[in-house]
Amino acid sequence: MKYLIAILVVGLAFTGNAGAQSQAKTMHDTYCIMCHGTELYTRESRIARDYESLREQVARWQANAALNWSSTEIDIMTNWLAERYYGLSCPEQC
């Protein structure tokens, strides 16, 4: 029985992560790409160099675009960008 519970917990965690990743991609493709391409993330002069500065940029630009994202949505987008484009590890609080 405890193995079944462990499998269910791991499965739910994976599904939650997949859902967040899907949400972030949709948000990115809907709101971010309308103003810039992905080359912004890999350019030499990029502003975001670590996880915290990346989160600050996500928060800044969603505010500039008047998207009114919640803190959770900002975190979801930051985590997705950090993993997909920046190769940054999420701090412990993620």
N, C-alpha and C. Protein backbone atom coordinates (compact mmCIF):
# COMPACT_ATOMS: atom_id res chain seq x y z
N MET A 1 0.83 -1.20 0.00
CA MET A 1 0.00 0.00 0.00
C MET A 1 0.87 1.26 0.00
N LYS A 2 1.95 1.25 0.81
CA LYS A 2 2.79 2.46 0.86
C LYS A 2 3.49 2.71 -0.47
N TYR A 3 3.73 1.65 -1.26
CA TYR A 3 4.34 1.83 -2.58
C TYR A 3 3.36 2.50 -3.54
N LEU A 4 2.11 2.12 -3.43
CA LEU A 4 1.07 2.73 -4.25
C LEU A 4 0.93 4.22 -3.93
N ILE A 5 0.97 4.56 -2.67
CA ILE A 5 0.89 5.97 -2.26
C ILE A 5 2.09 6.74 -2.80
N ALA A 6 3.27 6.16 -2.71
CA ALA A 6 4.48 6.82 -3.21
C ALA A 6 4.38 7.05 -4.71
N ILE A 7 3.88 6.05 -5.44
CA ILE A 7 3.72 6.19 -6.89
C ILE A 7 2.72 7.30 -7.21
N LEU A 8 1.62 7.35 -6.47
CA LEU A 8 0.62 8.40 -6.69
C LEU A 8 1.19 9.78 -6.41
N VAL A 9 1.95 9.94 -5.34
CA VAL A 9 2.54 11.23 -4.99
C VAL A 9 3.50 11.68 -6.08
N VAL A 10 4.36 10.78 -6.52
CA VAL A 10 5.32 11.11 -7.58
C VAL A 10 4.58 11.46 -8.86
N GLY A 11 3.55 10.71 -9.17
CA GLY A 11 2.75 10.97 -10.37
C GLY A 11 2.09 12.33 -10.32
N LEU A 12 1.54 12.70 -9.17
CA LEU A 12 0.90 14.01 -9.03
C LEU A 12 1.92 15.13 -9.15
N ALA A 13 3.09 14.95 -8.57
CA ALA A 13 4.13 15.97 -8.66
C ALA A 13 4.54 16.16 -10.11
N PHE A 14 4.69 15.06 -10.84
CA PHE A 14 5.08 15.16 -12.25
C PHE A 14 3.99 15.85 -13.06
N THR A 15 2.74 15.48 -12.81
CA THR A 15 1.63 16.09 -13.53
C THR A 15 1.55 17.58 -13.23
N GLY A 16 1.76 17.97 -11.97
CA GLY A 16 1.74 19.39 -11.61
C GLY A 16 2.84 20.15 -12.32
N ASN A 17 4.03 19.57 -12.38
CA ASN A 17 5.14 20.20 -13.07
C ASN A 17 4.86 20.31 -14.56
N ALA A 18 4.30 19.27 -15.14
CA ALA A 18 3.96 19.29 -16.57
C ALA A 18 2.90 20.35 -16.83
N GLY A 19 1.94 20.48 -15.92
CA GLY A 19 0.91 21.50 -16.08
C GLY A 19 1.48 22.90 -16.01
N ALA A 20 2.41 23.12 -15.08
CA ALA A 20 3.06 24.43 -14.96
C ALA A 20 3.90 24.73 -16.19
N GLN A 21 4.58 23.72 -16.70
CA GLN A 21 5.41 23.91 -17.90
C GLN A 21 4.53 24.26 -19.09
N SER A 22 3.41 23.58 -19.21
CA SER A 22 2.48 23.86 -20.30
C SER A 22 1.90 25.26 -20.16
N GLN A 23 1.55 25.64 -18.94
CA GLN A 23 1.02 26.98 -18.68
C GLN A 23 2.06 28.04 -19.04
N ALA A 24 3.31 27.82 -18.64
CA ALA A 24 4.37 28.80 -18.93
C ALA A 24 4.58 28.94 -20.43
N LYS A 25 4.60 27.83 -21.14
CA LYS A 25 4.80 27.89 -22.60
C LYS A 25 3.67 28.67 -23.26
N THR A 26 2.45 28.40 -22.82
CA THR A 26 1.30 29.13 -23.37
C THR A 26 1.40 30.62 -23.07
N MET A 27 1.74 30.96 -21.83
CA MET A 27 1.90 32.37 -21.45
C MET A 27 2.99 33.01 -22.30
N HIS A 28 4.11 32.33 -22.44
CA HIS A 28 5.24 32.84 -23.21
C HIS A 28 4.85 33.07 -24.66
N ASP A 29 4.23 32.05 -25.26
CA ASP A 29 3.87 32.14 -26.68
C ASP A 29 2.77 33.17 -26.93
N THR A 30 1.97 33.44 -25.92
CA THR A 30 0.89 34.41 -26.06
C THR A 30 1.36 35.84 -25.81
N TYR A 31 2.16 36.05 -24.75
CA TYR A 31 2.48 37.41 -24.33
C TYR A 31 3.90 37.86 -24.61
N CYS A 32 4.86 36.99 -24.50
CA CYS A 32 6.27 37.41 -24.62
C CYS A 32 6.71 37.54 -26.07
N ILE A 33 6.34 36.57 -26.88
CA ILE A 33 6.79 36.53 -28.26
C ILE A 33 6.17 37.64 -29.10
N MET A 34 5.10 38.25 -28.61
CA MET A 34 4.51 39.36 -29.38
C MET A 34 5.46 40.57 -29.44
N CYS A 35 6.41 40.65 -28.48
CA CYS A 35 7.33 41.79 -28.44
C CYS A 35 8.77 41.41 -28.78
N HIS A 36 9.16 40.17 -28.57
CA HIS A 36 10.54 39.78 -28.85
C HIS A 36 10.62 38.28 -29.11
N GLY A 37 11.70 37.88 -29.78
CA GLY A 37 11.94 36.46 -30.03
C GLY A 37 12.80 35.87 -28.92
N THR A 38 13.11 34.60 -29.06
CA THR A 38 13.89 33.91 -28.04
C THR A 38 15.37 34.31 -28.04
N GLU A 39 15.81 35.01 -29.07
CA GLU A 39 17.22 35.45 -29.10
C GLU A 39 17.54 36.38 -27.93
N LEU A 40 16.55 36.99 -27.37
CA LEU A 40 16.73 37.87 -26.21
C LEU A 40 17.35 37.11 -25.04
N TYR A 41 17.02 35.85 -24.91
CA TYR A 41 17.49 35.06 -23.77
C TYR A 41 18.93 34.60 -23.89
N THR A 42 19.43 34.55 -25.10
CA THR A 42 20.77 34.01 -25.31
C THR A 42 21.79 35.05 -25.75
N ARG A 43 21.37 36.28 -25.90
CA ARG A 43 22.29 37.32 -26.35
C ARG A 43 23.36 37.60 -25.29
N GLU A 44 24.50 38.04 -25.74
CA GLU A 44 25.63 38.30 -24.85
C GLU A 44 25.31 39.40 -23.82
N SER A 45 24.54 40.40 -24.22
CA SER A 45 24.27 41.54 -23.34
C SER A 45 22.99 41.37 -22.52
N ARG A 46 22.54 40.15 -22.33
CA ARG A 46 21.30 39.95 -21.57
C ARG A 46 21.45 40.45 -20.14
N ILE A 47 20.35 40.94 -19.60
CA ILE A 47 20.35 41.51 -18.26
C ILE A 47 20.30 40.42 -17.20
N ALA A 48 19.47 39.42 -17.42
CA ALA A 48 19.31 38.34 -16.43
C ALA A 48 20.50 37.40 -16.49
N ARG A 49 21.23 37.35 -15.39
CA ARG A 49 22.42 36.49 -15.30
C ARG A 49 22.29 35.41 -14.23
N ASP A 50 21.29 35.57 -13.36
CA ASP A 50 21.04 34.58 -12.32
C ASP A 50 19.53 34.50 -12.12
N TYR A 51 19.12 33.57 -11.27
CA TYR A 51 17.69 33.31 -11.10
C TYR A 51 16.94 34.55 -10.61
N GLU A 52 17.48 35.22 -9.62
CA GLU A 52 16.78 36.38 -9.06
C GLU A 52 16.65 37.52 -10.07
N SER A 53 17.70 37.78 -10.85
CA SER A 53 17.59 38.85 -11.85
C SER A 53 16.64 38.45 -12.97
N LEU A 54 16.55 37.17 -13.28
CA LEU A 54 15.57 36.70 -14.26
C LEU A 54 14.16 36.92 -13.74
N ARG A 55 13.92 36.59 -12.48
CA ARG A 55 12.59 36.80 -11.90
C ARG A 55 12.23 38.28 -11.89
N GLU A 56 13.20 39.13 -11.59
CA GLU A 56 12.96 40.58 -11.62
C GLU A 56 12.56 41.04 -13.01
N GLN A 57 13.21 40.51 -14.04
CA GLN A 57 12.87 40.88 -15.41
C GLN A 57 11.47 40.40 -15.80
N VAL A 58 11.13 39.18 -15.41
CA VAL A 58 9.79 38.66 -15.70
C VAL A 58 8.75 39.55 -15.01
N ALA A 59 8.97 39.87 -13.75
CA ALA A 59 8.03 40.72 -13.02
C ALA A 59 7.94 42.10 -13.66
N ARG A 60 9.07 42.64 -14.04
CA ARG A 60 9.10 43.98 -14.65
C ARG A 60 8.33 44.02 -15.96
N TRP A 61 8.58 43.05 -16.83
CA TRP A 61 7.97 43.11 -18.15
C TRP A 61 6.49 42.74 -18.14
N GLN A 62 6.09 41.85 -17.23
CA GLN A 62 4.65 41.57 -17.16
C GLN A 62 3.93 42.81 -16.64
N ALA A 63 4.56 43.58 -15.75
CA ALA A 63 3.96 44.82 -15.26
C ALA A 63 3.92 45.86 -16.39
N ASN A 64 5.01 45.97 -17.15
CA ASN A 64 5.04 46.92 -18.28
C ASN A 64 3.94 46.62 -19.30
N ALA A 65 3.64 45.33 -19.48
CA ALA A 65 2.61 44.93 -20.44
C ALA A 65 1.22 44.89 -19.80
N ALA A 66 1.13 45.29 -18.52
CA ALA A 66 -0.14 45.31 -17.79
C ALA A 66 -0.84 43.96 -17.82
N LEU A 67 -0.07 42.89 -17.59
CA LEU A 67 -0.63 41.54 -17.61
C LEU A 67 -1.24 41.14 -16.27
N ASN A 68 -0.83 41.81 -15.21
CA ASN A 68 -1.36 41.53 -13.87
C ASN A 68 -1.19 40.08 -13.44
N TRP A 69 -0.02 39.51 -13.75
CA TRP A 69 0.26 38.14 -13.33
C TRP A 69 0.41 38.08 -11.82
N SER A 70 -0.03 36.98 -11.26
CA SER A 70 0.15 36.73 -9.84
C SER A 70 1.61 36.36 -9.58
N SER A 71 1.98 36.36 -8.32
CA SER A 71 3.33 35.94 -7.94
C SER A 71 3.60 34.50 -8.40
N THR A 72 2.58 33.67 -8.31
CA THR A 72 2.71 32.28 -8.75
C THR A 72 2.95 32.21 -10.26
N GLU A 73 2.24 33.01 -11.03
CA GLU A 73 2.43 33.01 -12.48
C GLU A 73 3.83 33.53 -12.84
N ILE A 74 4.30 34.53 -12.12
CA ILE A 74 5.66 35.03 -12.34
C ILE A 74 6.67 33.93 -12.03
N ASP A 75 6.44 33.19 -10.96
CA ASP A 75 7.33 32.08 -10.61
C ASP A 75 7.31 30.99 -11.67
N ILE A 76 6.12 30.65 -12.15
CA ILE A 76 6.00 29.62 -13.19
C ILE A 76 6.77 30.02 -14.43
N MET A 77 6.61 31.27 -14.86
CA MET A 77 7.33 31.74 -16.05
C MET A 77 8.83 31.78 -15.80
N THR A 78 9.24 32.26 -14.63
CA THR A 78 10.66 32.33 -14.30
C THR A 78 11.28 30.94 -14.30
N ASN A 79 10.61 29.98 -13.68
CA ASN A 79 11.12 28.61 -13.64
C ASN A 79 11.27 28.04 -15.04
N TRP A 80 10.28 28.27 -15.88
CA TRP A 80 10.30 27.74 -17.24
C TRP A 80 11.44 28.36 -18.05
N LEU A 81 11.56 29.68 -17.98
CA LEU A 81 12.65 30.34 -18.71
C LEU A 81 14.02 29.91 -18.17
N ALA A 82 14.13 29.81 -16.85
CA ALA A 82 15.40 29.42 -16.23
C ALA A 82 15.84 28.05 -16.73
N GLU A 83 14.91 27.13 -16.80
CA GLU A 83 15.24 25.78 -17.25
C GLU A 83 15.45 25.71 -18.75
N ARG A 84 14.55 26.31 -19.51
CA ARG A 84 14.56 26.15 -20.97
C ARG A 84 15.66 26.94 -21.66
N TYR A 85 15.89 28.18 -21.25
CA TYR A 85 16.80 29.05 -21.98
C TYR A 85 18.06 29.45 -21.23
N TYR A 86 17.98 29.58 -19.93
CA TYR A 86 19.09 30.14 -19.18
C TYR A 86 19.99 29.11 -18.52
N GLY A 87 19.52 27.89 -18.39
CA GLY A 87 20.30 26.86 -17.71
C GLY A 87 20.56 27.19 -16.26
N LEU A 88 19.60 27.83 -15.63
CA LEU A 88 19.74 28.23 -14.23
C LEU A 88 18.98 27.28 -13.33
N SER A 89 19.52 27.03 -12.17
CA SER A 89 18.84 26.21 -11.18
C SER A 89 17.89 27.07 -10.37
N CYS A 90 16.79 26.48 -10.03
CA CYS A 90 15.82 27.15 -9.20
C CYS A 90 16.31 27.12 -7.75
N PRO A 91 16.25 28.25 -7.05
CA PRO A 91 16.64 28.25 -5.63
C PRO A 91 15.73 27.33 -4.82
N GLU A 92 16.11 27.09 -3.59
CA GLU A 92 15.39 26.15 -2.73
C GLU A 92 13.90 26.47 -2.57
N GLN A 93 13.52 27.75 -2.60
CA GLN A 93 12.14 28.09 -2.35
C GLN A 93 11.20 27.76 -3.50
N CYS A 94 11.71 27.29 -4.61
CA CYS A 94 10.84 26.95 -5.75
C CYS A 94 10.02 25.71 -5.49
